Amino acid sequence: MPHLRDILNELKWKQGYTLENVEITIIHRGAPKNRKIISGAGIKEIGKSFLYTNTATIPYHRISKISYNNEIVYER
C-alpha cells in the first residue's frame, strides 16, 4: 500500500488533479464521532511525517480517509 504522502503528492502534482477537490478525514478527539474533515485547499505542505495545514500540523497516522471529488482514494 502506498504511503499517504505519496497519495497526496500524486493528487497535488498529477495533471488534471487539484488539492482543492480533496477532503481528508482525520481522527480528532473531542469532535463529533472523533472525526474532522479538512479541505485540501487548506494544505500548506505535504511533509515527510506530517501534513501541514493553515491551522494544524497533522501526523499521517491520524488520517483515516482521503476522498477526491467524493470518491474514496484511501480508507483505513
PDB file of N, CA and C in Angstrom:
ATOM      1  N   MET A   1       0.849  -1.179   0.000  1.00  0.00           N
ATOM      2  CA  MET A   1       0.000   0.000   0.000  1.00  0.00           C
ATOM      3  C   MET A   1       0.895   1.243   0.000  1.00  0.00           C
ATOM      4  N   PRO A   2       0.605   2.215  -0.855  1.00  0.00           N
ATOM      5  CA  PRO A   2       1.430   3.420  -0.899  1.00  0.00           C
ATOM      6  C   PRO A   2       1.276   4.251   0.377  1.00  0.00           C
ATOM      7  N   HIS A   3       2.297   4.972   0.715  1.00  0.00           N
ATOM      8  CA  HIS A   3       2.279   5.853   1.871  1.00  0.00           C
ATOM      9  C   HIS A   3       1.319   7.014   1.595  1.00  0.00           C
ATOM     10  N   LEU A   4       0.691   7.523   2.632  1.00  0.00           N
ATOM     11  CA  LEU A   4      -0.262   8.625   2.458  1.00  0.00           C
ATOM     12  C   LEU A   4       0.382   9.842   1.810  1.00  0.00           C
ATOM     13  N   ARG A   5       1.635  10.072   2.115  1.00  0.00           N
ATOM     14  CA  ARG A   5       2.364  11.185   1.499  1.00  0.00           C
ATOM     15  C   ARG A   5       2.396  11.022  -0.024  1.00  0.00           C
ATOM     16  N   ASP A   6       2.634   9.799  -0.493  1.00  0.00           N
ATOM     17  CA  ASP A   6       2.669   9.541  -1.934  1.00  0.00           C
ATOM     18  C   ASP A   6       1.303   9.770  -2.582  1.00  0.00           C
ATOM     19  N   ILE A   7       0.253   9.356  -1.896  1.00  0.00           N
ATOM     20  CA  ILE A   7      -1.106   9.554  -2.420  1.00  0.00           C
ATOM     21  C   ILE A   7      -1.409  11.049  -2.542  1.00  0.00           C
ATOM     22  N   LEU A   8      -1.097  11.811  -1.492  1.00  0.00           N
ATOM     23  CA  LEU A   8      -1.370  13.247  -1.515  1.00  0.00           C
ATOM     24  C   LEU A   8      -0.519  13.969  -2.559  1.00  0.00           C
ATOM     25  N   ASN A   9       0.739  13.573  -2.687  1.00  0.00           N
ATOM     26  CA  ASN A   9       1.587  14.190  -3.705  1.00  0.00           C
ATOM     27  C   ASN A   9       1.082  13.891  -5.113  1.00  0.00           C
ATOM     28  N   GLU A  10       0.587  12.690  -5.325  1.00  0.00           N
ATOM     29  CA  GLU A  10       0.030  12.353  -6.632  1.00  0.00           C
ATOM     30  C   GLU A  10      -1.185  13.227  -6.945  1.00  0.00           C
ATOM     31  N   LEU A  11      -2.046  13.423  -5.946  1.00  0.00           N
ATOM     32  CA  LEU A  11      -3.221  14.270  -6.156  1.00  0.00           C
ATOM     33  C   LEU A  11      -2.822  15.731  -6.381  1.00  0.00           C
ATOM     34  N   LYS A  12      -1.707  16.130  -5.789  1.00  0.00           N
ATOM     35  CA  LYS A  12      -1.249  17.508  -5.945  1.00  0.00           C
ATOM     36  C   LYS A  12      -0.598  17.747  -7.308  1.00  0.00           C
ATOM     37  N   TRP A  13       0.201  16.791  -7.781  1.00  0.00           N
ATOM     38  CA  TRP A  13       1.028  17.028  -8.954  1.00  0.00           C
ATOM     39  C   TRP A  13       0.532  16.385 -10.244  1.00  0.00           C
ATOM     40  N   LYS A  14      -0.347  15.406 -10.158  1.00  0.00           N
ATOM     41  CA  LYS A  14      -0.827  14.737 -11.364  1.00  0.00           C
ATOM     42  C   LYS A  14      -1.676  15.706 -12.187  1.00  0.00           C
ATOM     43  N   GLN A  15      -1.409  15.737 -13.470  1.00  0.00           N
ATOM     44  CA  GLN A  15      -2.124  16.650 -14.351  1.00  0.00           C
ATOM     45  C   GLN A  15      -3.626  16.382 -14.311  1.00  0.00           C
ATOM     46  N   GLY A  16      -4.399  17.442 -14.192  1.00  0.00           N
ATOM     47  CA  GLY A  16      -5.847  17.316 -14.145  1.00  0.00           C
ATOM     48  C   GLY A  16      -6.406  17.204 -12.734  1.00  0.00           C
ATOM     49  N   TYR A  17      -5.532  17.059 -11.748  1.00  0.00           N
ATOM     50  CA  TYR A  17      -5.970  16.957 -10.356  1.00  0.00           C
ATOM     51  C   TYR A  17      -5.609  18.236  -9.613  1.00  0.00           C
ATOM     52  N   THR A  18      -6.293  18.490  -8.520  1.00  0.00           N
ATOM     53  CA  THR A  18      -6.001  19.635  -7.670  1.00  0.00           C
ATOM     54  C   THR A  18      -6.371  19.303  -6.231  1.00  0.00           C
ATOM     55  N   LEU A  19      -5.585  19.819  -5.288  1.00  0.00           N
ATOM     56  CA  LEU A  19      -5.863  19.552  -3.876  1.00  0.00           C
ATOM     57  C   LEU A  19      -7.159  20.203  -3.413  1.00  0.00           C
ATOM     58  N   GLU A  20      -7.649  21.172  -4.149  1.00  0.00           N
ATOM     59  CA  GLU A  20      -8.897  21.840  -3.763  1.00  0.00           C
ATOM     60  C   GLU A  20     -10.091  20.890  -3.781  1.00  0.00           C
ATOM     61  N   ASN A  21      -9.995  19.783  -4.519  1.00  0.00           N
ATOM     62  CA  ASN A  21     -11.081  18.800  -4.591  1.00  0.00           C
ATOM     63  C   ASN A  21     -10.897  17.642  -3.607  1.00  0.00           C
ATOM     64  N   VAL A  22      -9.917  17.757  -2.730  1.00  0.00           N
ATOM     65  CA  VAL A  22      -9.610  16.698  -1.771  1.00  0.00           C
ATOM     66  C   VAL A  22     -10.275  17.000  -0.430  1.00  0.00           C
ATOM     67  N   GLU A  23     -10.836  15.965   0.194  1.00  0.00           N
ATOM     68  CA  GLU A  23     -11.329  16.041   1.565  1.00  0.00           C
ATOM     69  C   GLU A  23     -10.599  14.977   2.370  1.00  0.00           C
ATOM     70  N   ILE A  24     -10.042  15.372   3.507  1.00  0.00           N
ATOM     71  CA  ILE A  24      -9.289  14.466   4.354  1.00  0.00           C
ATOM     72  C   ILE A  24     -10.013  14.342   5.681  1.00  0.00           C
ATOM     73  N   THR A  25     -10.334  13.120   6.053  1.00  0.00           N
ATOM     74  CA  THR A  25     -10.964  12.856   7.345  1.00  0.00           C
ATOM     75  C   THR A  25      -9.877  12.436   8.309  1.00  0.00           C
ATOM     76  N   ILE A  26      -9.824  13.134   9.455  1.00  0.00           N
ATOM     77  CA  ILE A  26      -8.804  12.818  10.456  1.00  0.00           C
ATOM     78  C   ILE A  26      -9.458  12.448  11.775  1.00  0.00           C
ATOM     79  N   ILE A  27      -8.709  11.727  12.594  1.00  0.00           N
ATOM     80  CA  ILE A  27      -9.137  11.431  13.957  1.00  0.00           C
ATOM     81  C   ILE A  27      -8.839  12.676  14.779  1.00  0.00           C
ATOM     82  N   HIS A  28      -9.888  13.235  15.390  1.00  0.00           N
ATOM     83  CA  HIS A  28      -9.757  14.479  16.150  1.00  0.00           C
ATOM     84  C   HIS A  28     -10.584  14.333  17.429  1.00  0.00           C
ATOM     85  N   ARG A  29      -9.904  14.003  18.513  1.00  0.00           N
ATOM     86  CA  ARG A  29     -10.609  13.775  19.777  1.00  0.00           C
ATOM     87  C   ARG A  29     -11.376  15.025  20.199  1.00  0.00           C
ATOM     88  N   GLY A  30     -12.618  14.819  20.591  1.00  0.00           N
ATOM     89  CA  GLY A  30     -13.469  15.919  21.014  1.00  0.00           C
ATOM     90  C   GLY A  30     -14.425  16.387  19.937  1.00  0.00           C
ATOM     91  N   ALA A  31     -14.132  16.085  18.697  1.00  0.00           N
ATOM     92  CA  ALA A  31     -15.042  16.434  17.602  1.00  0.00           C
ATOM     93  C   ALA A  31     -16.167  15.397  17.557  1.00  0.00           C
ATOM     94  N   PRO A  32     -17.277  15.705  16.919  1.00  0.00           N
ATOM     95  CA  PRO A  32     -18.348  14.710  16.797  1.00  0.00           C
ATOM     96  C   PRO A  32     -17.824  13.406  16.173  1.00  0.00           C
ATOM     97  N   LYS A  33     -18.090  12.302  16.831  1.00  0.00           N
ATOM     98  CA  LYS A  33     -17.631  10.965  16.418  1.00  0.00           C
ATOM     99  C   LYS A  33     -16.105  10.890  16.297  1.00  0.00           C
ATOM    100  N   ASN A  34     -15.413  11.821  16.965  1.00  0.00           N
ATOM    101  CA  ASN A  34     -13.940  11.887  16.956  1.00  0.00           C
ATOM    102  C   ASN A  34     -13.362  11.997  15.551  1.00  0.00           C
ATOM    103  N   ARG A  35     -14.104  12.605  14.643  1.00  0.00           N
ATOM    104  CA  ARG A  35     -13.657  12.778  13.269  1.00  0.00           C
ATOM    105  C   ARG A  35     -13.815  14.237  12.861  1.00  0.00           C
ATOM    106  N   LYS A  36     -12.913  14.696  12.011  1.00  0.00           N
ATOM    107  CA  LYS A  36     -12.977  16.048  11.472  1.00  0.00           C
ATOM    108  C   LYS A  36     -12.588  15.983  10.000  1.00  0.00           C
ATOM    109  N   ILE A  37     -13.261  16.758   9.160  1.00  0.00           N
ATOM    110  CA  ILE A  37     -12.960  16.780   7.729  1.00  0.00           C
ATOM    111  C   ILE A  37     -12.223  18.077   7.405  1.00  0.00           C
ATOM    112  N   ILE A  38     -11.114  17.907   6.703  1.00  0.00           N
ATOM    113  CA  ILE A  38     -10.284  19.042   6.317  1.00  0.00           C
ATOM    114  C   ILE A  38     -10.300  19.148   4.795  1.00  0.00           C
ATOM    115  N   SER A  39     -10.441  20.353   4.299  1.00  0.00           N
ATOM    116  CA  SER A  39     -10.403  20.589   2.859  1.00  0.00           C
ATOM    117  C   SER A  39      -8.960  20.605   2.384  1.00  0.00           C
ATOM    118  N   GLY A  40      -8.734  20.041   1.214  1.00  0.00           N
ATOM    119  CA  GLY A  40      -7.408  20.045   0.631  1.00  0.00           C
ATOM    120  C   GLY A  40      -6.920  21.438   0.288  1.00  0.00           C
ATOM    121  N   ALA A  41      -7.836  22.393   0.152  1.00  0.00           N
ATOM    122  CA  ALA A  41      -7.456  23.768  -0.155  1.00  0.00           C
ATOM    123  C   ALA A  41      -6.636  24.387   0.977  1.00  0.00           C
ATOM    124  N   GLY A  42      -6.777  23.847   2.184  1.00  0.00           N
ATOM    125  CA  GLY A  42      -6.050  24.375   3.342  1.00  0.00           C
ATOM    126  C   GLY A  42      -4.678  23.763   3.554  1.00  0.00           C
ATOM    127  N   ILE A  43      -4.259  22.856   2.678  1.00  0.00           N
ATOM    128  CA  ILE A  43      -2.953  22.200   2.836  1.00  0.00           C
ATOM    129  C   ILE A  43      -1.848  23.169   2.422  1.00  0.00           C
ATOM    130  N   LYS A  44      -0.904  23.384   3.330  1.00  0.00           N
ATOM    131  CA  LYS A  44       0.250  24.237   3.036  1.00  0.00           C
ATOM    132  C   LYS A  44       1.442  23.421   2.565  1.00  0.00           C
ATOM    133  N   GLU A  45       1.637  22.249   3.205  1.00  0.00           N
ATOM    134  CA  GLU A  45       2.807  21.435   2.878  1.00  0.00           C
ATOM    135  C   GLU A  45       2.519  19.966   3.161  1.00  0.00           C
ATOM    136  N   ILE A  46       3.012  19.112   2.283  1.00  0.00           N
ATOM    137  CA  ILE A  46       2.939  17.665   2.472  1.00  0.00           C
ATOM    138  C   ILE A  46       4.333  17.234   2.906  1.00  0.00           C
ATOM    139  N   GLY A  47       4.522  17.136   4.217  1.00  0.00           N
ATOM    140  CA  GLY A  47       5.837  16.836   4.760  1.00  0.00           C
ATOM    141  C   GLY A  47       6.132  15.354   4.801  1.00  0.00           C
ATOM    142  N   LYS A  48       7.303  15.020   5.332  1.00  0.00           N
ATOM    143  CA  LYS A  48       7.717  13.624   5.405  1.00  0.00           C
ATOM    144  C   LYS A  48       6.887  12.834   6.419  1.00  0.00           C
ATOM    145  N   SER A  49       6.623  13.440   7.577  1.00  0.00           N
ATOM    146  CA  SER A  49       5.888  12.749   8.639  1.00  0.00           C
ATOM    147  C   SER A  49       4.572  13.413   8.999  1.00  0.00           C
ATOM    148  N   PHE A  50       4.381  14.649   8.525  1.00  0.00           N
ATOM    149  CA  PHE A  50       3.201  15.413   8.901  1.00  0.00           C
ATOM    150  C   PHE A  50       2.590  16.100   7.687  1.00  0.00           C
ATOM    151  N   LEU A  51       1.300  16.376   7.806  1.00  0.00           N
ATOM    152  CA  LEU A  51       0.571  17.178   6.836  1.00  0.00           C
ATOM    153  C   LEU A  51       0.354  18.536   7.493  1.00  0.00           C
ATOM    154  N   TYR A  52       0.805  19.598   6.850  1.00  0.00           N
ATOM    155  CA  TYR A  52       0.703  20.939   7.413  1.00  0.00           C
ATOM    156  C   TYR A  52      -0.440  21.678   6.728  1.00  0.00           C
ATOM    157  N   THR A  53      -1.367  22.186   7.551  1.00  0.00           N
ATOM    158  CA  THR A  53      -2.490  22.959   7.030  1.00  0.00           C
ATOM    159  C   THR A  53      -2.381  24.383   7.559  1.00  0.00           C
ATOM    160  N   ASN A  54      -3.318  25.221   7.178  1.00  0.00           N
ATOM    161  CA  ASN A  54      -3.327  26.606   7.657  1.00  0.00           C
ATOM    162  C   ASN A  54      -3.518  26.693   9.165  1.00  0.00           C
ATOM    163  N   THR A  55      -4.124  25.675   9.766  1.00  0.00           N
ATOM    164  CA  THR A  55      -4.454  25.753  11.188  1.00  0.00           C
ATOM    165  C   THR A  55      -3.856  24.645  12.052  1.00  0.00           C
ATOM    166  N   ALA A  56      -3.240  23.619  11.452  1.00  0.00           N
ATOM    167  CA  ALA A  56      -2.779  22.480  12.252  1.00  0.00           C
ATOM    168  C   ALA A  56      -1.634  21.737  11.575  1.00  0.00           C
ATOM    169  N   THR A  57      -0.942  20.960  12.396  1.00  0.00           N
ATOM    170  CA  THR A  57       0.060  20.010  11.921  1.00  0.00           C
ATOM    171  C   THR A  57      -0.488  18.628  12.246  1.00  0.00           C
ATOM    172  N   ILE A  58      -0.701  17.807  11.228  1.00  0.00           N
ATOM    173  CA  ILE A  58      -1.390  16.526  11.405  1.00  0.00           C
ATOM    174  C   ILE A  58      -0.445  15.380  11.076  1.00  0.00           C
ATOM    175  N   PRO A  59      -0.203  14.483  12.043  1.00  0.00           N
ATOM    176  CA  PRO A  59       0.598  13.294  11.720  1.00  0.00           C
ATOM    177  C   PRO A  59      -0.219  12.364  10.820  1.00  0.00           C
ATOM    178  N   TYR A  60       0.464  11.695   9.913  1.00  0.00           N
ATOM    179  CA  TYR A  60      -0.230  10.846   8.932  1.00  0.00           C
ATOM    180  C   TYR A  60      -1.045   9.728   9.584  1.00  0.00           C
ATOM    181  N   HIS A  61      -0.617   9.253  10.758  1.00  0.00           N
ATOM    182  CA  HIS A  61      -1.367   8.148  11.371  1.00  0.00           C
ATOM    183  C   HIS A  61      -2.756   8.580  11.827  1.00  0.00           C
ATOM    184  N   ARG A  62      -3.041   9.870  11.848  1.00  0.00           N
ATOM    185  CA  ARG A  62      -4.371  10.355  12.218  1.00  0.00           C
ATOM    186  C   ARG A  62      -5.324  10.444  11.025  1.00  0.00           C
ATOM    187  N   ILE A  63      -4.815  10.270   9.829  1.00  0.00           N
ATOM    188  CA  ILE A  63      -5.667  10.329   8.639  1.00  0.00           C
ATOM    189  C   ILE A  63      -6.384   8.994   8.469  1.00  0.00           C
ATOM    190  N   SER A  64      -7.714   9.051   8.407  1.00  0.00           N
ATOM    191  CA  SER A  64      -8.482   7.810   8.264  1.00  0.00           C
ATOM    192  C   SER A  64      -9.097   7.655   6.874  1.00  0.00           C
ATOM    193  N   LYS A  65      -9.252   8.782   6.149  1.00  0.00           N
ATOM    194  CA  LYS A  65      -9.843   8.678   4.808  1.00  0.00           C
ATOM    195  C   LYS A  65      -9.426   9.874   3.964  1.00  0.00           C
ATOM    196  N   ILE A  66      -9.207   9.609   2.668  1.00  0.00           N
ATOM    197  CA  ILE A  66      -8.946  10.664   1.691  1.00  0.00           C
ATOM    198  C   ILE A  66      -9.928  10.463   0.546  1.00  0.00           C
ATOM    199  N   SER A  67     -10.646  11.523   0.213  1.00  0.00           N
ATOM    200  CA  SER A  67     -11.601  11.482  -0.901  1.00  0.00           C
ATOM    201  C   SER A  67     -11.234  12.543  -1.920  1.00  0.00           C
ATOM    202  N   TYR A  68     -11.456  12.215  -3.195  1.00  0.00           N
ATOM    203  CA  TYR A  68     -11.264  13.181  -4.277  1.00  0.00           C
ATOM    204  C   TYR A  68     -12.560  13.242  -5.070  1.00  0.00           C
ATOM    205  N   ASN A  69     -13.168  14.414  -5.119  1.00  0.00           N
ATOM    206  CA  ASN A  69     -14.481  14.581  -5.773  1.00  0.00           C
ATOM    207  C   ASN A  69     -15.481  13.545  -5.267  1.00  0.00           C
ATOM    208  N   ASN A  70     -15.539  13.369  -3.961  1.00  0.00           N
ATOM    209  CA  ASN A  70     -16.452  12.440  -3.276  1.00  0.00           C
ATOM    210  C   ASN A  70     -16.193  10.973  -3.590  1.00  0.00           C
ATOM    211  N   GLU A  71     -15.066  10.653  -4.186  1.00  0.00           N
ATOM    212  CA  GLU A  71     -14.676   9.270  -4.458  1.00  0.00           C
ATOM    213  C   GLU A  71     -13.539   8.912  -3.503  1.00  0.00           C
ATOM    214  N   ILE A  72     -13.680   7.817  -2.783  1.00  0.00           N
ATOM    215  CA  ILE A  72     -12.680   7.428  -1.787  1.00  0.00           C
ATOM    216  C   ILE A  72     -11.417   6.945  -2.476  1.00  0.00           C
ATOM    217  N   VAL A  73     -10.305   7.593  -2.120  1.00  0.00           N
ATOM    218  CA  VAL A  73      -8.994   7.241  -2.664  1.00  0.00           C
ATOM    219  C   VAL A  73      -8.236   6.350  -1.661  1.00  0.00           C
ATOM    220  N   TYR A  74      -8.446   6.627  -0.370  1.00  0.00           N
ATOM    221  CA  TYR A  74      -7.796   5.872   0.703  1.00  0.00           C
ATOM    222  C   TYR A  74      -8.757   5.799   1.877  1.00  0.00           C
ATOM    223  N   GLU A  75      -8.842   4.637   2.496  1.00  0.00           N
ATOM    224  CA  GLU A  75      -9.627   4.491   3.716  1.00  0.00           C
ATOM    225  C   GLU A  75      -9.006   3.409   4.581  1.00  0.00           C
ATOM    226  N   ARG A  76      -8.896   3.731   5.839  1.00  0.00           N
ATOM    227  CA  ARG A  76      -8.324   2.791   6.790  1.00  0.00           C
ATOM    228  C   ARG A  76      -9.420   2.218   7.644  1.00  0.00           C
TER     229      ARG A  76
END
